[in-house]
Amino acid sequence: MSHAIKEKNWTEFFWSARCEEFAKIINSLESNEVHDYGCGNAALKRYLKNKKYIGYDLYRAPHIDVVVDLNEGIPKLKGPPKYRIASCQGVLEAITDLPKFFKELYVNFNYVIFSYISAERSQWTRIYGLENCPLLTFTKLEKIVAENFGGNIPREVKSIYSEDLQHIEQKIYIVSNPLL
């Protein structure tokens, strides 16, 4: 499932390609509510069909619905999680306690779609000041998710690969709540 590219603007490529893939996955699932953690410019919202969209980010902006520091925890949502999806695009790399974060997602969502750039991204973390965040291999991340999301193992959906920035690979995963 790998897609190799040569791209001058790797950040824009990752955001655009990733956003389109997330939307394809989300639109194929039975859900009516999408919570986009680390939503940035809320680009995902443009691709969604018949879904209520709630955007979360660290800083206030016109397109942000909820301002939250995800390292402090996510807001507990009311009602059953059966028809809710969490989207975590490019945000896990900045979470300092991933087990806690996935435990919180588990009680709030039926599905979580997330992306991750593995431990081989040391230059990337220095560029964005994320040296204090855990650097994980894909295998270690998958284990953390399974241990903290009801035992369900995340399924890799897509791999996006860039040759221009030290051969960085980004994977997109989905995990579903086994209780729902």
Protein backbone atom coordinates (compact mmCIF):
# COMPACT_ATOMS: atom_id res chain seq x y z
CA MET A 1 0.00 0.00 0.00
CA SER A 2 2.86 2.40 -0.59
CA HIS A 3 2.66 5.48 -2.77
CA ALA A 4 6.06 7.01 -3.66
CA ILE A 5 6.36 10.64 -4.79
CA LYS A 6 8.92 13.34 -5.39
CA GLU A 7 7.43 16.56 -4.16
CA LYS A 8 8.98 20.00 -3.62
CA ASN A 9 6.49 21.00 -0.95
CA TRP A 10 6.36 17.81 1.13
CA THR A 11 4.27 19.34 3.93
CA GLU A 12 1.53 20.42 1.55
CA PHE A 13 1.63 17.02 -0.16
CA PHE A 14 1.29 15.15 3.12
CA TRP A 15 -1.59 17.36 4.26
CA SER A 16 -3.48 17.20 0.97
CA ALA A 17 -2.99 13.49 0.26
CA ARG A 18 -3.66 12.56 3.87
CA CYS A 19 -6.80 14.70 4.07
CA GLU A 20 -8.26 13.11 0.95
CA GLU A 21 -7.54 9.60 2.25
CA PHE A 22 -9.09 10.40 5.63
CA ALA A 23 -12.24 11.71 3.93
CA LYS A 24 -12.58 8.57 1.78
CA ILE A 25 -12.40 6.40 4.88
CA ILE A 26 -14.74 8.57 6.95
CA ASN A 27 -17.33 8.89 4.18
CA SER A 28 -17.41 5.09 3.83
CA LEU A 29 -18.28 4.54 7.51
CA GLU A 30 -21.68 4.60 9.16
CA SER A 31 -21.42 7.73 11.24
CA ASN A 32 -22.94 11.15 11.55
CA GLU A 33 -20.32 13.03 13.58
CA VAL A 34 -16.61 13.66 12.97
CA HIS A 35 -14.33 15.12 15.64
CA ASP A 36 -11.15 16.37 13.97
CA TYR A 37 -8.35 16.63 16.56
CA GLY A 38 -5.52 18.94 15.50
CA CYS A 39 -7.73 20.19 12.68
CA GLY A 40 -5.41 23.01 11.56
CA ASN A 41 -7.22 24.81 8.75
CA ALA A 42 -10.18 22.38 8.87
CA ALA A 43 -9.45 21.14 5.34
CA LEU A 44 -11.08 17.79 6.10
CA LYS A 45 -14.48 19.47 6.45
CA ARG A 46 -14.53 20.31 2.71
CA TYR A 47 -14.32 16.61 1.76
CA LEU A 48 -16.95 15.21 4.13
CA LYS A 49 -20.42 14.19 2.99
CA ASN A 50 -23.42 14.43 5.33
CA LYS A 51 -21.36 14.52 8.52
CA LYS A 52 -21.49 16.93 11.43
CA TYR A 53 -17.95 18.32 11.81
CA ILE A 54 -16.31 19.52 15.03
CA GLY A 55 -12.76 20.90 14.75
CA TYR A 56 -10.35 20.90 17.71
CA ASP A 57 -7.00 22.66 17.84
CA LEU A 58 -4.58 24.24 20.26
CA TYR A 59 -5.11 27.82 19.07
CA ARG A 60 -8.26 29.82 18.43
CA ALA A 61 -9.10 30.54 14.78
CA PRO A 62 -12.36 31.16 12.88
CA HIS A 63 -12.69 27.51 11.81
CA ILE A 64 -11.88 26.01 15.25
CA ASP A 65 -14.92 24.84 17.21
CA VAL A 66 -13.10 23.79 20.40
CA VAL A 67 -9.74 25.03 21.66
CA VAL A 68 -7.99 22.23 23.55
CA ASP A 69 -4.51 21.12 24.52
CA LEU A 70 -4.68 17.40 23.73
CA ASN A 71 -1.84 16.73 26.15
CA GLU A 72 -4.20 17.89 28.91
CA GLY A 73 -6.89 15.46 27.73
CA ILE A 74 -9.85 15.47 25.38
CA PRO A 75 -13.28 16.71 26.46
CA LYS A 76 -15.66 13.89 27.48
CA LEU A 77 -18.50 13.73 24.99
CA LYS A 78 -22.13 13.13 25.94
CA GLY A 79 -24.12 10.22 24.64
CA PRO A 80 -23.07 6.88 23.17
CA PRO A 81 -20.02 6.82 20.87
CA LYS A 82 -21.68 4.52 18.30
CA TYR A 83 -21.88 6.99 15.41
CA ARG A 84 -18.85 9.15 16.22
CA ILE A 85 -15.48 9.16 14.46
CA ALA A 86 -12.24 10.74 15.68
CA SER A 87 -9.80 12.05 13.10
CA CYS A 88 -6.19 12.55 14.22
CA GLN A 89 -4.15 13.83 11.27
CA GLY A 90 -0.56 14.67 12.07
CA VAL A 91 -1.33 15.16 15.75
CA LEU A 92 -0.07 11.99 17.47
CA GLU A 93 3.54 13.05 16.99
CA ALA A 94 2.86 15.91 19.44
CA ILE A 95 1.07 13.84 22.11
CA THR A 96 3.29 13.11 25.11
CA ASP A 97 1.14 10.33 26.64
CA LEU A 98 -0.28 8.20 23.81
CA PRO A 99 -1.70 5.44 26.07
CA LYS A 100 -3.78 8.03 27.98
CA PHE A 101 -4.87 9.70 24.73
CA PHE A 102 -6.09 6.41 23.19
CA LYS A 103 -7.91 5.45 26.40
CA GLU A 104 -9.81 8.74 26.18
CA LEU A 105 -10.61 8.14 22.51
CA TYR A 106 -11.82 4.61 23.33
CA VAL A 107 -14.63 5.81 25.62
CA ASN A 108 -15.76 8.50 23.18
CA PHE A 109 -15.59 6.99 19.68
CA ASN A 110 -16.61 4.05 17.55
CA TYR A 111 -13.79 4.65 15.05
CA VAL A 112 -10.47 6.45 15.19
CA ILE A 113 -8.61 7.26 11.97
CA PHE A 114 -5.08 8.45 12.59
CA SER A 115 -1.78 9.08 10.83
CA TYR A 116 1.76 8.73 12.10
CA ILE A 117 5.31 9.37 10.93
CA SER A 118 7.59 6.82 12.59
CA ALA A 119 10.70 7.17 14.77
CA GLU A 120 12.90 7.57 11.72
CA ARG A 121 11.76 11.20 11.52
CA SER A 122 14.32 12.74 13.91
CA GLN A 123 15.03 15.76 11.65
CA TRP A 124 11.28 16.37 11.33
CA THR A 125 10.85 16.54 15.11
CA ARG A 126 13.68 19.05 15.49
CA ILE A 127 12.19 21.27 12.79
CA TYR A 128 8.86 21.44 14.62
CA GLY A 129 10.21 21.48 18.20
CA LEU A 130 8.79 18.10 19.21
CA GLU A 131 11.93 16.68 20.82
CA ASN A 132 10.06 15.86 24.06
CA CYS A 133 7.45 13.71 22.36
CA PRO A 134 7.95 9.95 22.09
CA LEU A 135 9.60 8.70 18.92
CA LEU A 136 7.96 5.38 18.08
CA THR A 137 8.28 2.78 15.39
CA PHE A 138 5.05 1.86 13.63
CA THR A 139 5.08 -1.50 15.46
CA LYS A 140 5.35 0.15 18.89
CA LEU A 141 2.56 2.61 18.04
CA GLU A 142 0.29 -0.24 16.91
CA LYS A 143 0.95 -2.04 20.22
CA ILE A 144 0.12 1.08 22.27
CA VAL A 145 -3.13 1.57 20.37
CA ALA A 146 -4.19 -2.08 20.79
CA GLU A 147 -3.41 -2.04 24.52
CA ASN A 148 -5.45 1.12 25.09
CA PHE A 149 -8.31 0.77 22.62
CA GLY A 150 -10.10 -2.34 23.86
CA GLY A 151 -7.54 -4.78 22.47
CA ASN A 152 -8.29 -3.94 18.85
CA ILE A 153 -5.25 -3.85 16.57
CA PRO A 154 -5.21 -0.84 14.22
CA ARG A 155 -5.37 -1.68 10.52
CA GLU A 156 -3.03 0.14 8.14
CA VAL A 157 -5.07 1.70 5.36
CA LYS A 158 -2.49 3.65 3.38
CA SER A 159 1.21 4.46 3.33
CA ILE A 160 2.38 7.79 1.91
CA TYR A 161 6.08 8.07 1.12
CA SER A 162 8.24 11.09 0.33
CA GLU A 163 11.70 10.73 -1.19
CA ASP A 164 12.54 14.42 -0.77
CA LEU A 165 12.65 14.64 3.02
CA GLN A 166 14.92 11.79 4.11
CA HIS A 167 12.56 9.14 2.78
CA ILE A 168 9.84 9.84 5.34
CA GLU A 169 6.91 7.48 5.40
CA GLN A 170 3.55 8.36 6.90
CA LYS A 171 0.94 5.68 7.57
CA ILE A 172 -2.80 6.05 7.94
CA TYR A 173 -4.60 3.65 10.28
CA ILE A 174 -8.14 2.90 11.41
CA VAL A 175 -9.17 1.22 14.64
CA SER A 176 -12.72 0.39 15.71
CA ASN A 177 -14.19 0.06 19.15
CA PRO A 178 -14.79 -3.67 19.77
CA LEU A 179 -17.69 -2.93 22.13
CA LEU A 180 -19.80 -1.21 19.47
